[in-house]
C-alpha cells in the first residue's frame, strides 16, 4: 500500500532506517521535539526580547544538543565514529585485534603486503 510506495523512494528509505528500532524512533522523536522547543524559544525571544526569554533559550540549548548527540550515538551508522576521526588504519586494526573482532592473520597479511610493496 502507501507504506510500500513511501519506502521505495530515497526519503522513505532514510525514514525507515531512522526509526528501525524503538530506541532509534524514541531518540529521533526526542531530538525532533527538542528542536521544536528551541525553535519556539527563539521565536519567543525574537518576538519579546527579555532576560526571561533569553534564559529560556539558554536552558533549551543543552537539551537540544544532548538529544541530537543521543540520537547520533544510538544510530548504528555512527558507532565508534569519534574514534575514527583521529585514529590511523593501523590503530583501528590493532584495536579490533585486541577486542577479538579481527583475526591477526588477516590483518598481518594486509599489513605485510603493504610493507613488501614499499
Foldseek 3Di string as FASTA:
>chain_A
DVLVVQCVDPVSVVVCLQPVDVQSVVLVVQLVVLVVQLVVLVVVCVVPPDPVSVVSNVVSVVSNVVSVVSNLCPRPVNPCVVVVVPDDPVRVVVVCVVVVNDDPVVVVVVVVVVVVVD
